[in-house]
Amino acid sequence: MPAERHPDDLPPLRRDDLPDGARGLPRGLVWATALGVVVLAIASWTALRTDTGDPGEPTPVEDLLEQVEQPPAPDQQQTESDAVGVATPGTPFERADGSSGTLADYRGRPLVVNFFGSWCGPCITEMPMLEEVHQATADQATFLGLNVAEPLASGLRLVESTGVTYDVASDADGELLAAFGLVNLPATVVLDADGEVARVHTGIIERSELEGYLAELTP
């Protein structure tokens, strides 16, 4: 173990460069203060580099999962809320291209609405499976991802990383999520061709379960 150094053994510090109030402080205290400033500056610089990374480079799904804390899987497999059997809300949302839309725009075929966030570990796990079902049922059903509680740009980076190709829009204030009686993410709502709520599911939805829901709604 290196020998402990006494503050008086530290290299001389130019006190003339210090503020007037610091020139009378003990040399060890001055060095401790200077070291703290350096550490703070390094931490700030590191955080700045993290926050200003290139948004055009998608992060692999595996890396995203490592960055997000994984909560335990919910015990319930399905939550039937009061929204089941009623018409969908007409709350407008912003699409990825900046245009406005509502869930009514998707009437005519069953619609799978998935609420997600880039900060939600289970959402990241679930989305590639949703894309697979979307591809397999493209002639029978429509999919829509609603990005909750964050700028849409963050959700779009996740969409690119997970390979999702279905429509994505913003539910930044969670108004649509709340309209279905939902709180937690991920959450999936299945609407029939008339726009009525057929199923409401909280947590990661199993592929077989989602395919079963759609089979009930398609001839």
C-alpha atoms as a PDB file:
ATOM      1  CA  MET A   1       0.000   0.000   0.000  1.00  0.00           C
ATOM      2  CA  PRO A   2       1.436   3.418  -0.935  1.00  0.00           C
ATOM      3  CA  ALA A   3       2.563   5.564   1.985  1.00  0.00           C
ATOM      4  CA  GLU A   4       0.007   8.186   2.955  1.00  0.00           C
ATOM      5  CA  ARG A   5       1.105  11.657   1.943  1.00  0.00           C
ATOM      6  CA  HIS A   6       0.733  14.580   4.279  1.00  0.00           C
ATOM      7  CA  PRO A   7      -0.935  17.664   2.755  1.00  0.00           C
ATOM      8  CA  ASP A   8       2.309  19.600   3.323  1.00  0.00           C
ATOM      9  CA  ASP A   9       4.115  17.104   1.051  1.00  0.00           C
ATOM     10  CA  LEU A  10       1.918  18.022  -1.921  1.00  0.00           C
ATOM     11  CA  PRO A  11       3.513  20.015  -4.778  1.00  0.00           C
ATOM     12  CA  PRO A  12       3.356  23.753  -4.294  1.00  0.00           C
ATOM     13  CA  LEU A  13       0.181  25.395  -5.524  1.00  0.00           C
ATOM     14  CA  ARG A  14       0.239  28.937  -6.911  1.00  0.00           C
ATOM     15  CA  ARG A  15      -1.911  30.738  -4.401  1.00  0.00           C
ATOM     16  CA  ASP A  16      -1.721  33.894  -6.487  1.00  0.00           C
ATOM     17  CA  ASP A  17      -4.024  32.160  -8.980  1.00  0.00           C
ATOM     18  CA  LEU A  18      -6.693  31.488  -6.362  1.00  0.00           C
ATOM     19  CA  PRO A  19      -9.594  33.789  -5.410  1.00  0.00           C
ATOM     20  CA  ASP A  20      -8.872  36.126  -2.498  1.00  0.00           C
ATOM     21  CA  GLY A  21     -11.049  34.101  -0.127  1.00  0.00           C
ATOM     22  CA  ALA A  22      -9.122  30.900  -0.795  1.00  0.00           C
ATOM     23  CA  ARG A  23      -5.554  32.177  -0.389  1.00  0.00           C
ATOM     24  CA  GLY A  24      -5.568  31.811   3.375  1.00  0.00           C
ATOM     25  CA  LEU A  25      -6.844  28.211   3.360  1.00  0.00           C
ATOM     26  CA  PRO A  26      -4.579  25.288   4.334  1.00  0.00           C
ATOM     27  CA  ARG A  27      -2.766  23.809   1.368  1.00  0.00           C
ATOM     28  CA  GLY A  28      -4.398  20.350   1.782  1.00  0.00           C
ATOM     29  CA  LEU A  29      -7.886  21.830   1.735  1.00  0.00           C
ATOM     30  CA  VAL A  30      -7.061  23.831  -1.369  1.00  0.00           C
ATOM     31  CA  TRP A  31      -5.876  20.670  -3.166  1.00  0.00           C
ATOM     32  CA  ALA A  32      -8.994  18.745  -2.104  1.00  0.00           C
ATOM     33  CA  THR A  33     -11.178  21.521  -3.461  1.00  0.00           C
ATOM     34  CA  ALA A  34      -9.263  21.608  -6.740  1.00  0.00           C
ATOM     35  CA  LEU A  35      -9.539  17.830  -7.098  1.00  0.00           C
ATOM     36  CA  GLY A  36     -13.295  17.985  -6.534  1.00  0.00           C
ATOM     37  CA  VAL A  37     -13.665  20.571  -9.291  1.00  0.00           C
ATOM     38  CA  VAL A  38     -11.716  18.363 -11.718  1.00  0.00           C
ATOM     39  CA  VAL A  39     -13.844  15.290 -10.905  1.00  0.00           C
ATOM     40  CA  LEU A  40     -17.045  17.302 -11.364  1.00  0.00           C
ATOM     41  CA  ALA A  41     -15.835  18.615 -14.711  1.00  0.00           C
ATOM     42  CA  ILE A  42     -15.019  15.096 -15.943  1.00  0.00           C
ATOM     43  CA  ALA A  43     -18.427  13.797 -14.863  1.00  0.00           C
ATOM     44  CA  SER A  44     -20.211  16.663 -16.609  1.00  0.00           C
ATOM     45  CA  TRP A  45     -18.228  16.096 -19.807  1.00  0.00           C
ATOM     46  CA  THR A  46     -19.057  12.372 -19.772  1.00  0.00           C
ATOM     47  CA  ALA A  47     -22.768  13.052 -19.273  1.00  0.00           C
ATOM     48  CA  LEU A  48     -22.738  15.595 -22.077  1.00  0.00           C
ATOM     49  CA  ARG A  49     -21.190  13.088 -24.486  1.00  0.00           C
ATOM     50  CA  THR A  50     -23.832  10.523 -23.517  1.00  0.00           C
ATOM     51  CA  ASP A  51     -26.733  12.933 -24.031  1.00  0.00           C
ATOM     52  CA  THR A  52     -25.507  14.223 -27.362  1.00  0.00           C
ATOM     53  CA  GLY A  53     -24.784  10.927 -29.087  1.00  0.00           C
ATOM     54  CA  ASP A  54     -25.608  10.621 -32.743  1.00  0.00           C
ATOM     55  CA  PRO A  55     -29.382   9.996 -32.881  1.00  0.00           C
ATOM     56  CA  GLY A  56     -29.033   8.576 -36.366  1.00  0.00           C
ATOM     57  CA  GLU A  57     -27.233   5.454 -35.172  1.00  0.00           C
ATOM     58  CA  PRO A  58     -29.726   2.879 -33.834  1.00  0.00           C
ATOM     59  CA  THR A  59     -28.660   0.950 -30.754  1.00  0.00           C
ATOM     60  CA  PRO A  60     -28.866  -2.851 -31.040  1.00  0.00           C
ATOM     61  CA  VAL A  61     -31.779  -4.355 -29.104  1.00  0.00           C
ATOM     62  CA  GLU A  62     -29.405  -6.329 -26.872  1.00  0.00           C
ATOM     63  CA  ASP A  63     -27.618  -3.120 -25.837  1.00  0.00           C
ATOM     64  CA  LEU A  64     -30.913  -1.368 -25.151  1.00  0.00           C
ATOM     65  CA  LEU A  65     -31.996  -4.194 -22.876  1.00  0.00           C
ATOM     66  CA  GLU A  66     -28.756  -3.948 -20.919  1.00  0.00           C
ATOM     67  CA  GLN A  67     -29.356  -0.224 -20.355  1.00  0.00           C
ATOM     68  CA  VAL A  68     -32.930  -0.587 -19.087  1.00  0.00           C
ATOM     69  CA  GLU A  69     -33.804  -2.074 -15.720  1.00  0.00           C
ATOM     70  CA  GLN A  70     -35.980  -5.143 -16.193  1.00  0.00           C
ATOM     71  CA  PRO A  71     -38.977  -5.192 -13.842  1.00  0.00           C
ATOM     72  CA  PRO A  72     -40.487  -8.555 -12.913  1.00  0.00           C
ATOM     73  CA  ALA A  73     -43.072  -9.912 -15.341  1.00  0.00           C
ATOM     74  CA  PRO A  74     -46.640  -9.116 -14.273  1.00  0.00           C
ATOM     75  CA  ASP A  75     -48.635 -11.970 -12.746  1.00  0.00           C
ATOM     76  CA  GLN A  76     -51.727 -11.208 -14.782  1.00  0.00           C
ATOM     77  CA  GLN A  77     -51.748 -12.417 -18.376  1.00  0.00           C
ATOM     78  CA  GLN A  78     -54.737 -10.325 -19.387  1.00  0.00           C
ATOM     79  CA  THR A  79     -56.559  -7.323 -18.033  1.00  0.00           C
ATOM     80  CA  GLU A  80     -60.123  -6.806 -19.247  1.00  0.00           C
ATOM     81  CA  SER A  81     -60.904  -3.150 -18.541  1.00  0.00           C
ATOM     82  CA  ASP A  82     -64.148  -1.217 -18.820  1.00  0.00           C
ATOM     83  CA  ALA A  83     -63.006  -0.219 -22.318  1.00  0.00           C
ATOM     84  CA  VAL A  84     -63.809  -3.669 -23.747  1.00  0.00           C
ATOM     85  CA  GLY A  85     -66.880  -3.577 -25.967  1.00  0.00           C
ATOM     86  CA  VAL A  86     -67.001   0.193 -26.366  1.00  0.00           C
ATOM     87  CA  ALA A  87     -65.988   2.446 -29.237  1.00  0.00           C
ATOM     88  CA  THR A  88     -62.437   3.743 -29.318  1.00  0.00           C
ATOM     89  CA  PRO A  89     -61.693   7.291 -28.150  1.00  0.00           C
ATOM     90  CA  GLY A  90     -61.351   9.998 -30.771  1.00  0.00           C
ATOM     91  CA  THR A  91     -58.239  11.501 -29.198  1.00  0.00           C
ATOM     92  CA  PRO A  92     -55.888  12.716 -31.961  1.00  0.00           C
ATOM     93  CA  PHE A  93     -52.239  11.676 -32.080  1.00  0.00           C
ATOM     94  CA  GLU A  94     -49.172  12.802 -34.006  1.00  0.00           C
ATOM     95  CA  ARG A  95     -47.789  10.434 -36.609  1.00  0.00           C
ATOM     96  CA  ALA A  96     -44.090   9.987 -37.345  1.00  0.00           C
ATOM     97  CA  ASP A  97     -44.430  12.200 -40.430  1.00  0.00           C
ATOM     98  CA  GLY A  98     -45.925  15.034 -38.373  1.00  0.00           C
ATOM     99  CA  SER A  99     -49.506  14.549 -39.551  1.00  0.00           C
ATOM    100  CA  SER A 100     -52.440  14.074 -37.194  1.00  0.00           C
ATOM    101  CA  GLY A 101     -54.608  10.974 -36.951  1.00  0.00           C
ATOM    102  CA  THR A 102     -57.080   9.061 -34.786  1.00  0.00           C
ATOM    103  CA  LEU A 103     -57.811   5.389 -34.190  1.00  0.00           C
ATOM    104  CA  ALA A 104     -60.935   5.782 -36.329  1.00  0.00           C
ATOM    105  CA  ASP A 105     -58.657   6.082 -39.370  1.00  0.00           C
ATOM    106  CA  TYR A 106     -57.910   2.352 -39.048  1.00  0.00           C
ATOM    107  CA  ARG A 107     -61.478   1.037 -39.107  1.00  0.00           C
ATOM    108  CA  GLY A 108     -62.278  -1.652 -41.648  1.00  0.00           C
ATOM    109  CA  ARG A 109     -59.831  -4.259 -40.343  1.00  0.00           C
ATOM    110  CA  PRO A 110     -58.830  -5.467 -36.870  1.00  0.00           C
ATOM    111  CA  LEU A 111     -56.236  -3.161 -35.307  1.00  0.00           C
ATOM    112  CA  VAL A 112     -53.520  -4.033 -32.785  1.00  0.00           C
ATOM    113  CA  VAL A 113     -52.502  -0.973 -30.751  1.00  0.00           C
ATOM    114  CA  ASN A 114     -49.298  -1.402 -28.768  1.00  0.00           C
ATOM    115  CA  PHE A 115     -48.315   1.213 -26.173  1.00  0.00           C
ATOM    116  CA  PHE A 116     -44.547   1.330 -25.658  1.00  0.00           C
ATOM    117  CA  GLY A 117     -41.624   3.454 -24.472  1.00  0.00           C
ATOM    118  CA  SER A 118     -37.897   3.315 -25.174  1.00  0.00           C
ATOM    119  CA  TRP A 119     -37.339   3.356 -21.376  1.00  0.00           C
ATOM    120  CA  CYS A 120     -39.465   0.178 -20.944  1.00  0.00           C
ATOM    121  CA  GLY A 121     -37.411  -3.035 -20.986  1.00  0.00           C
ATOM    122  CA  PRO A 122     -40.344  -5.415 -21.624  1.00  0.00           C
ATOM    123  CA  CYS A 123     -41.435  -3.189 -24.529  1.00  0.00           C
ATOM    124  CA  ILE A 124     -38.024  -3.654 -26.166  1.00  0.00           C
ATOM    125  CA  THR A 125     -38.307  -7.422 -25.687  1.00  0.00           C
ATOM    126  CA  GLU A 126     -41.818  -7.566 -27.124  1.00  0.00           C
ATOM    127  CA  MET A 127     -41.562  -5.388 -30.225  1.00  0.00           C
ATOM    128  CA  PRO A 128     -39.671  -7.775 -32.566  1.00  0.00           C
ATOM    129  CA  MET A 129     -42.396 -10.392 -31.960  1.00  0.00           C
ATOM    130  CA  LEU A 130     -45.115  -7.827 -32.738  1.00  0.00           C
ATOM    131  CA  GLU A 131     -43.365  -7.066 -36.015  1.00  0.00           C
ATOM    132  CA  GLU A 132     -43.290 -10.782 -36.882  1.00  0.00           C
ATOM    133  CA  VAL A 133     -47.034 -11.119 -36.274  1.00  0.00           C
ATOM    134  CA  HIS A 134     -47.611  -7.914 -38.222  1.00  0.00           C
ATOM    135  CA  GLN A 135     -45.765  -9.396 -41.206  1.00  0.00           C
ATOM    136  CA  ALA A 136     -47.625 -12.709 -40.933  1.00  0.00           C
ATOM    137  CA  THR A 137     -51.081 -11.071 -40.746  1.00  0.00           C
ATOM    138  CA  ALA A 138     -50.513  -8.090 -43.047  1.00  0.00           C
ATOM    139  CA  ASP A 139     -53.504  -9.030 -45.219  1.00  0.00           C
ATOM    140  CA  GLN A 140     -55.850  -9.384 -42.260  1.00  0.00           C
ATOM    141  CA  ALA A 141     -54.968  -6.841 -39.569  1.00  0.00           C
ATOM    142  CA  THR A 142     -53.260  -3.500 -38.999  1.00  0.00           C
ATOM    143  CA  PHE A 143     -50.730  -2.621 -36.294  1.00  0.00           C
ATOM    144  CA  LEU A 144     -50.089   0.747 -34.631  1.00  0.00           C
ATOM    145  CA  GLY A 145     -47.426   1.559 -32.037  1.00  0.00           C
ATOM    146  CA  LEU A 146     -48.135   4.461 -29.684  1.00  0.00           C
ATOM    147  CA  ASN A 147     -45.045   5.929 -28.024  1.00  0.00           C
ATOM    148  CA  VAL A 148     -45.843   7.040 -24.458  1.00  0.00           C
ATOM    149  CA  ALA A 149     -44.332   9.641 -22.117  1.00  0.00           C
ATOM    150  CA  GLU A 150     -41.345  10.750 -24.177  1.00  0.00           C
ATOM    151  CA  PRO A 151     -40.477  12.678 -27.355  1.00  0.00           C
ATOM    152  CA  LEU A 152     -41.469  10.704 -30.442  1.00  0.00           C
ATOM    153  CA  ALA A 153     -37.856  10.869 -31.680  1.00  0.00           C
ATOM    154  CA  SER A 154     -36.806   8.546 -28.837  1.00  0.00           C
ATOM    155  CA  GLY A 155     -39.490   6.059 -29.783  1.00  0.00           C
ATOM    156  CA  LEU A 156     -38.486   6.165 -33.431  1.00  0.00           C
ATOM    157  CA  ARG A 157     -34.891   5.265 -32.546  1.00  0.00           C
ATOM    158  CA  LEU A 158     -36.225   2.203 -30.728  1.00  0.00           C
ATOM    159  CA  VAL A 159     -38.440   1.377 -33.708  1.00  0.00           C
ATOM    160  CA  GLU A 160     -35.405   1.418 -35.980  1.00  0.00           C
ATOM    161  CA  SER A 161     -33.399  -0.759 -33.607  1.00  0.00           C
ATOM    162  CA  THR A 162     -36.153  -3.369 -33.262  1.00  0.00           C
ATOM    163  CA  GLY A 163     -36.957  -3.518 -36.981  1.00  0.00           C
ATOM    164  CA  VAL A 164     -40.581  -2.418 -36.594  1.00  0.00           C
ATOM    165  CA  THR A 165     -42.239  -1.372 -39.869  1.00  0.00           C
ATOM    166  CA  TYR A 166     -45.848  -0.805 -38.777  1.00  0.00           C
ATOM    167  CA  ASP A 167     -47.242   2.682 -38.126  1.00  0.00           C
ATOM    168  CA  VAL A 168     -45.933   4.555 -35.094  1.00  0.00           C
ATOM    169  CA  ALA A 169     -47.403   7.665 -33.484  1.00  0.00           C
ATOM    170  CA  SER A 170     -47.067   9.680 -30.283  1.00  0.00           C
ATOM    171  CA  ASP A 171     -49.148   9.473 -27.108  1.00  0.00           C
ATOM    172  CA  ALA A 172     -46.709  11.781 -25.316  1.00  0.00           C
ATOM    173  CA  ASP A 173     -49.038  12.739 -22.451  1.00  0.00           C
ATOM    174  CA  GLY A 174     -50.492   9.232 -22.057  1.00  0.00           C
ATOM    175  CA  GLU A 175     -54.033  10.416 -22.798  1.00  0.00           C
ATOM    176  CA  LEU A 176     -54.900   7.469 -25.036  1.00  0.00           C
ATOM    177  CA  LEU A 177     -53.289   5.009 -22.636  1.00  0.00           C
ATOM    178  CA  ALA A 178     -55.488   6.353 -19.835  1.00  0.00           C
ATOM    179  CA  ALA A 179     -58.584   6.291 -22.057  1.00  0.00           C
ATOM    180  CA  PHE A 180     -58.285   2.504 -22.187  1.00  0.00           C
ATOM    181  CA  GLY A 181     -57.971   2.288 -18.404  1.00  0.00           C
ATOM    182  CA  LEU A 182     -54.278   1.421 -18.620  1.00  0.00           C
ATOM    183  CA  VAL A 183     -51.312   2.586 -16.562  1.00  0.00           C
ATOM    184  CA  ASN A 184     -48.339   0.256 -17.076  1.00  0.00           C
ATOM    185  CA  LEU A 185     -46.305  -0.597 -20.168  1.00  0.00           C
ATOM    186  CA  PRO A 186     -46.215  -2.501 -22.363  1.00  0.00           C
ATOM    187  CA  ALA A 187     -49.934  -2.661 -23.057  1.00  0.00           C
ATOM    188  CA  THR A 188     -51.766  -3.980 -26.094  1.00  0.00           C
ATOM    189  CA  VAL A 189     -55.319  -3.232 -27.194  1.00  0.00           C
ATOM    190  CA  VAL A 190     -56.998  -5.203 -29.986  1.00  0.00           C
ATOM    191  CA  LEU A 191     -59.855  -3.494 -31.829  1.00  0.00           C
ATOM    192  CA  ASP A 192     -62.318  -5.171 -34.168  1.00  0.00           C
ATOM    193  CA  ALA A 193     -63.019  -3.950 -37.696  1.00  0.00           C
ATOM    194  CA  ASP A 194     -65.739  -1.610 -36.403  1.00  0.00           C
ATOM    195  CA  GLY A 195     -63.363   0.102 -34.015  1.00  0.00           C
ATOM    196  CA  GLU A 196     -64.715  -1.498 -30.834  1.00  0.00           C
ATOM    197  CA  VAL A 197     -62.327  -2.766 -28.161  1.00  0.00           C
ATOM    198  CA  ALA A 198     -62.105  -6.570 -28.266  1.00  0.00           C
ATOM    199  CA  ARG A 199     -59.150  -7.239 -25.940  1.00  0.00           C
ATOM    200  CA  VAL A 200     -56.998  -5.316 -23.478  1.00  0.00           C
ATOM    201  CA  HIS A 201     -53.714  -6.832 -22.317  1.00  0.00           C
ATOM    202  CA  THR A 202     -51.158  -5.505 -19.838  1.00  0.00           C
ATOM    203  CA  GLY A 203     -47.570  -6.764 -19.898  1.00  0.00           C
ATOM    204  CA  ILE A 204     -45.742  -8.716 -22.580  1.00  0.00           C
ATOM    205  CA  ILE A 205     -48.258 -10.512 -24.764  1.00  0.00           C
ATOM    206  CA  GLU A 206     -47.465 -14.026 -25.967  1.00  0.00           C
ATOM    207  CA  ARG A 207     -47.378 -14.522 -29.720  1.00  0.00           C
ATOM    208  CA  SER A 208     -49.871 -17.399 -29.598  1.00  0.00           C
ATOM    209  CA  GLU A 209     -52.261 -15.298 -27.546  1.00  0.00           C
ATOM    210  CA  LEU A 210     -52.117 -12.346 -29.933  1.00  0.00           C
ATOM    211  CA  GLU A 211     -52.573 -14.618 -32.939  1.00  0.00           C
ATOM    212  CA  GLY A 212     -55.557 -16.188 -31.181  1.00  0.00           C
ATOM    213  CA  TYR A 213     -57.155 -12.785 -30.642  1.00  0.00           C
ATOM    214  CA  LEU A 214     -56.741 -11.907 -34.311  1.00  0.00           C
ATOM    215  CA  ALA A 215     -58.077 -15.282 -35.449  1.00  0.00           C
ATOM    216  CA  GLU A 216     -61.293 -14.572 -33.517  1.00  0.00           C
ATOM    217  CA  LEU A 217     -61.724 -11.284 -35.404  1.00  0.00           C
ATOM    218  CA  THR A 218     -60.879 -12.392 -38.952  1.00  0.00           C
ATOM    219  CA  PRO A 219     -62.979 -14.642 -41.196  1.00  0.00           C
END
